Amino acid sequence: MKLRVFYDGSCPLCAAEMKQLAAADRQGQVELQDITQPDFSERFPHIDPVAADRILHGETDDGTLLYGLDVTARAWNLAGKGWRVNWLRWPLIRPVADRVYLFFARHRHRISRLLTGREHCEAGTCSPAESRQQSSRR
């Protein structure tokens, strides 16, 4: 594992992206952790689930924390599909992309409802990386 991603498993769009990421990550470089799991705080006491709910959190092997689109870009690069998101980190686009991301993060459940018809996942319906999560539990 080179990057651990802490995502909102109750968000249909978030879970869908994590499912795509897990499928693309054939080398097992990215570990996905759902912040809505009951034992999350016990397993990751250094990650505030409220803060991680506001903005995507990621943690590198050396403990460095990344946030927002920096997590997204690192994860997709590790999965070999960085070309999908690297342009969001270009200097002129980055500030706008970060603001758009924060808007999306704040309203992701409503946006999910508009795009998928579901605002929240029901128990067990949005667990795209369940097998990876289970195998990485300590």
C-alpha atoms as a PDB file:
ATOM      1  CA  MET A   1       0.000   0.000   0.000  1.00  0.00           C
ATOM      2  CA  LYS A   2       1.358   3.374  -0.989  1.00  0.00           C
ATOM      3  CA  LEU A   3      -1.782   5.394  -0.277  1.00  0.00           C
ATOM      4  CA  ARG A   4      -4.709   4.894   2.058  1.00  0.00           C
ATOM      5  CA  VAL A   5      -7.862   6.733   0.971  1.00  0.00           C
ATOM      6  CA  PHE A   6     -10.533   7.611   3.530  1.00  0.00           C
ATOM      7  CA  TYR A   7     -13.830   8.042   1.677  1.00  0.00           C
ATOM      8  CA  ASP A   8     -17.545   8.430   2.423  1.00  0.00           C
ATOM      9  CA  GLY A   9     -19.035   5.010   1.777  1.00  0.00           C
ATOM     10  CA  SER A  10     -22.564   6.370   2.185  1.00  0.00           C
ATOM     11  CA  CYS A  11     -22.203   8.557  -0.931  1.00  0.00           C
ATOM     12  CA  PRO A  12     -23.248   6.783  -4.138  1.00  0.00           C
ATOM     13  CA  LEU A  13     -20.914   8.818  -6.387  1.00  0.00           C
ATOM     14  CA  CYS A  14     -17.993   8.459  -4.000  1.00  0.00           C
ATOM     15  CA  ALA A  15     -18.516   4.709  -3.719  1.00  0.00           C
ATOM     16  CA  ALA A  16     -18.774   4.404  -7.505  1.00  0.00           C
ATOM     17  CA  GLU A  17     -15.450   6.189  -7.966  1.00  0.00           C
ATOM     18  CA  MET A  18     -13.811   3.991  -5.341  1.00  0.00           C
ATOM     19  CA  LYS A  19     -15.143   0.908  -7.123  1.00  0.00           C
ATOM     20  CA  GLN A  20     -13.559   2.132 -10.371  1.00  0.00           C
ATOM     21  CA  LEU A  21     -10.323   2.946  -8.558  1.00  0.00           C
ATOM     22  CA  ALA A  22     -10.207  -0.493  -6.921  1.00  0.00           C
ATOM     23  CA  ALA A  23     -10.723  -2.149 -10.314  1.00  0.00           C
ATOM     24  CA  ALA A  24      -7.940  -0.081 -11.891  1.00  0.00           C
ATOM     25  CA  ASP A  25      -5.488  -0.646  -9.018  1.00  0.00           C
ATOM     26  CA  ARG A  26      -4.168  -4.014 -10.128  1.00  0.00           C
ATOM     27  CA  GLN A  27      -0.938  -3.669  -8.138  1.00  0.00           C
ATOM     28  CA  GLY A  28      -2.671  -3.046  -4.801  1.00  0.00           C
ATOM     29  CA  GLN A  29      -1.125   0.394  -4.353  1.00  0.00           C
ATOM     30  CA  VAL A  30      -4.255   2.000  -2.873  1.00  0.00           C
ATOM     31  CA  GLU A  31      -6.076   0.919   0.261  1.00  0.00           C
ATOM     32  CA  LEU A  32      -9.671   2.138   0.565  1.00  0.00           C
ATOM     33  CA  GLN A  33     -11.220   2.842   3.961  1.00  0.00           C
ATOM     34  CA  ASP A  34     -14.857   3.825   4.427  1.00  0.00           C
ATOM     35  CA  ILE A  35     -15.149   6.517   7.111  1.00  0.00           C
ATOM     36  CA  THR A  36     -18.739   5.448   7.850  1.00  0.00           C
ATOM     37  CA  GLN A  37     -17.747   2.042   9.209  1.00  0.00           C
ATOM     38  CA  PRO A  38     -18.606   1.641  12.917  1.00  0.00           C
ATOM     39  CA  ASP A  39     -15.035   0.786  13.922  1.00  0.00           C
ATOM     40  CA  PHE A  40     -13.381   3.494  11.811  1.00  0.00           C
ATOM     41  CA  SER A  41     -12.315   5.739  14.735  1.00  0.00           C
ATOM     42  CA  GLU A  42     -10.966   2.747  16.617  1.00  0.00           C
ATOM     43  CA  ARG A  43      -8.852   1.620  13.657  1.00  0.00           C
ATOM     44  CA  PHE A  44      -7.757   5.122  12.619  1.00  0.00           C
ATOM     45  CA  PRO A  45      -7.767   7.323  15.732  1.00  0.00           C
ATOM     46  CA  HIS A  46      -5.517   9.878  14.014  1.00  0.00           C
ATOM     47  CA  ILE A  47      -8.151  10.637  11.349  1.00  0.00           C
ATOM     48  CA  ASP A  48     -11.081  12.835  12.358  1.00  0.00           C
ATOM     49  CA  PRO A  49     -14.093  11.316  10.566  1.00  0.00           C
ATOM     50  CA  VAL A  50     -15.936  14.670  10.659  1.00  0.00           C
ATOM     51  CA  ALA A  51     -13.048  16.401   8.882  1.00  0.00           C
ATOM     52  CA  ALA A  52     -12.683  13.455   6.491  1.00  0.00           C
ATOM     53  CA  ASP A  53     -16.387  13.809   5.708  1.00  0.00           C
ATOM     54  CA  ARG A  54     -15.842  17.452   4.692  1.00  0.00           C
ATOM     55  CA  ILE A  55     -12.825  16.797   2.470  1.00  0.00           C
ATOM     56  CA  LEU A  56     -11.322  13.584   1.161  1.00  0.00           C
ATOM     57  CA  HIS A  57      -8.332  12.459   3.228  1.00  0.00           C
ATOM     58  CA  GLY A  58      -5.445  10.273   2.171  1.00  0.00           C
ATOM     59  CA  GLU A  59      -2.389   8.963   3.979  1.00  0.00           C
ATOM     60  CA  THR A  60       0.894   7.904   2.397  1.00  0.00           C
ATOM     61  CA  ASP A  61       3.127   5.093   3.648  1.00  0.00           C
ATOM     62  CA  ASP A  62       5.196   7.563   5.638  1.00  0.00           C
ATOM     63  CA  GLY A  63       2.141   9.042   7.386  1.00  0.00           C
ATOM     64  CA  THR A  64       1.886  12.209   5.302  1.00  0.00           C
ATOM     65  CA  LEU A  65      -1.724  13.346   4.996  1.00  0.00           C
ATOM     66  CA  LEU A  66      -3.121  14.556   1.675  1.00  0.00           C
ATOM     67  CA  TYR A  67      -6.473  16.229   1.091  1.00  0.00           C
ATOM     68  CA  GLY A  68      -9.074  16.720  -1.621  1.00  0.00           C
ATOM     69  CA  LEU A  69      -8.005  16.450  -5.225  1.00  0.00           C
ATOM     70  CA  ASP A  70      -4.398  15.787  -4.190  1.00  0.00           C
ATOM     71  CA  VAL A  71      -5.663  12.444  -2.843  1.00  0.00           C
ATOM     72  CA  THR A  72      -7.644  11.779  -6.007  1.00  0.00           C
ATOM     73  CA  ALA A  73      -4.682  12.555  -8.260  1.00  0.00           C
ATOM     74  CA  ARG A  74      -2.246  10.442  -6.221  1.00  0.00           C
ATOM     75  CA  ALA A  75      -4.656   7.492  -6.086  1.00  0.00           C
ATOM     76  CA  TRP A  76      -5.386   7.475  -9.815  1.00  0.00           C
ATOM     77  CA  ASN A  77      -1.680   7.870 -10.609  1.00  0.00           C
ATOM     78  CA  LEU A  78      -0.859   4.869  -8.431  1.00  0.00           C
ATOM     79  CA  ALA A  79      -3.583   2.916 -10.228  1.00  0.00           C
ATOM     80  CA  GLY A  80      -2.014   3.820 -13.580  1.00  0.00           C
ATOM     81  CA  LYS A  81      -4.850   6.100 -14.690  1.00  0.00           C
ATOM     82  CA  GLY A  82      -3.495   9.491 -13.661  1.00  0.00           C
ATOM     83  CA  TRP A  83      -4.232  10.924 -17.092  1.00  0.00           C
ATOM     84  CA  ARG A  84      -7.884  11.075 -15.993  1.00  0.00           C
ATOM     85  CA  VAL A  85      -7.238  13.668 -13.294  1.00  0.00           C
ATOM     86  CA  ASN A  86      -3.713  15.074 -13.593  1.00  0.00           C
ATOM     87  CA  TRP A  87      -4.973  18.102 -15.512  1.00  0.00           C
ATOM     88  CA  LEU A  88      -6.862  19.122 -12.333  1.00  0.00           C
ATOM     89  CA  ARG A  89      -3.473  19.781 -10.707  1.00  0.00           C
ATOM     90  CA  TRP A  90      -2.151  22.053 -13.485  1.00  0.00           C
ATOM     91  CA  PRO A  91      -1.241  25.463 -12.005  1.00  0.00           C
ATOM     92  CA  LEU A  92      -3.931  27.539 -13.741  1.00  0.00           C
ATOM     93  CA  ILE A  93      -6.677  24.948 -13.250  1.00  0.00           C
ATOM     94  CA  ARG A  94      -5.791  23.835  -9.715  1.00  0.00           C
ATOM     95  CA  PRO A  95      -7.355  26.764  -7.756  1.00  0.00           C
ATOM     96  CA  VAL A  96     -10.629  26.505  -9.666  1.00  0.00           C
ATOM     97  CA  ALA A  97     -10.696  22.710  -9.484  1.00  0.00           C
ATOM     98  CA  ASP A  98     -10.108  22.838  -5.717  1.00  0.00           C
ATOM     99  CA  ARG A  99     -13.035  25.220  -5.223  1.00  0.00           C
ATOM    100  CA  VAL A 100     -15.299  23.103  -7.420  1.00  0.00           C
ATOM    101  CA  TYR A 101     -14.211  20.012  -5.472  1.00  0.00           C
ATOM    102  CA  LEU A 102     -15.093  21.685  -2.144  1.00  0.00           C
ATOM    103  CA  PHE A 103     -18.525  22.572  -3.539  1.00  0.00           C
ATOM    104  CA  PHE A 104     -18.980  18.976  -4.694  1.00  0.00           C
ATOM    105  CA  ALA A 105     -17.819  17.597  -1.326  1.00  0.00           C
ATOM    106  CA  ARG A 106     -20.288  19.808   0.538  1.00  0.00           C
ATOM    107  CA  HIS A 107     -23.213  18.841  -1.718  1.00  0.00           C
ATOM    108  CA  ARG A 108     -22.207  15.329  -2.824  1.00  0.00           C
ATOM    109  CA  HIS A 109     -25.317  13.615  -1.502  1.00  0.00           C
ATOM    110  CA  ARG A 110     -27.652  15.992  -3.343  1.00  0.00           C
ATOM    111  CA  ILE A 111     -25.535  15.740  -6.485  1.00  0.00           C
ATOM    112  CA  SER A 112     -25.656  11.937  -6.144  1.00  0.00           C
ATOM    113  CA  ARG A 113     -29.443  12.080  -5.977  1.00  0.00           C
ATOM    114  CA  LEU A 114     -29.553  14.147  -9.172  1.00  0.00           C
ATOM    115  CA  LEU A 115     -27.179  11.853 -11.047  1.00  0.00           C
ATOM    116  CA  THR A 116     -28.001   8.428  -9.651  1.00  0.00           C
ATOM    117  CA  GLY A 117     -31.433   8.773  -8.068  1.00  0.00           C
ATOM    118  CA  ARG A 118     -29.939   7.867  -4.673  1.00  0.00           C
ATOM    119  CA  GLU A 119     -28.798  10.376  -2.090  1.00  0.00           C
ATOM    120  CA  HIS A 120     -27.398   7.828   0.354  1.00  0.00           C
ATOM    121  CA  CYS A 121     -26.413   4.215   0.129  1.00  0.00           C
ATOM    122  CA  GLU A 122     -28.408   1.772   2.151  1.00  0.00           C
ATOM    123  CA  ALA A 123     -26.508  -0.654   4.367  1.00  0.00           C
ATOM    124  CA  GLY A 124     -24.211  -2.763   2.231  1.00  0.00           C
ATOM    125  CA  THR A 125     -25.224  -1.239  -1.111  1.00  0.00           C
ATOM    126  CA  CYS A 126     -22.179   0.993  -1.524  1.00  0.00           C
ATOM    127  CA  SER A 127     -19.276  -1.125  -0.400  1.00  0.00           C
ATOM    128  CA  PRO A 128     -17.134  -1.098  -3.555  1.00  0.00           C
ATOM    129  CA  ALA A 129     -13.911  -2.020  -1.856  1.00  0.00           C
ATOM    130  CA  GLU A 130     -15.227  -4.324   0.823  1.00  0.00           C
ATOM    131  CA  SER A 131     -12.814  -7.105   0.009  1.00  0.00           C
ATOM    132  CA  ARG A 132      -9.833  -4.733  -0.002  1.00  0.00           C
ATOM    133  CA  GLN A 133     -10.988  -3.185   3.282  1.00  0.00           C
ATOM    134  CA  GLN A 134     -11.439  -6.558   4.910  1.00  0.00           C
ATOM    135  CA  SER A 135      -8.000  -7.744   3.838  1.00  0.00           C
ATOM    136  CA  SER A 136      -6.327  -4.601   5.138  1.00  0.00           C
ATOM    137  CA  ARG A 137      -7.939  -4.593   8.585  1.00  0.00           C
ATOM    138  CA  ARG A 138      -5.500  -5.057  11.399  1.00  0.00           C
END
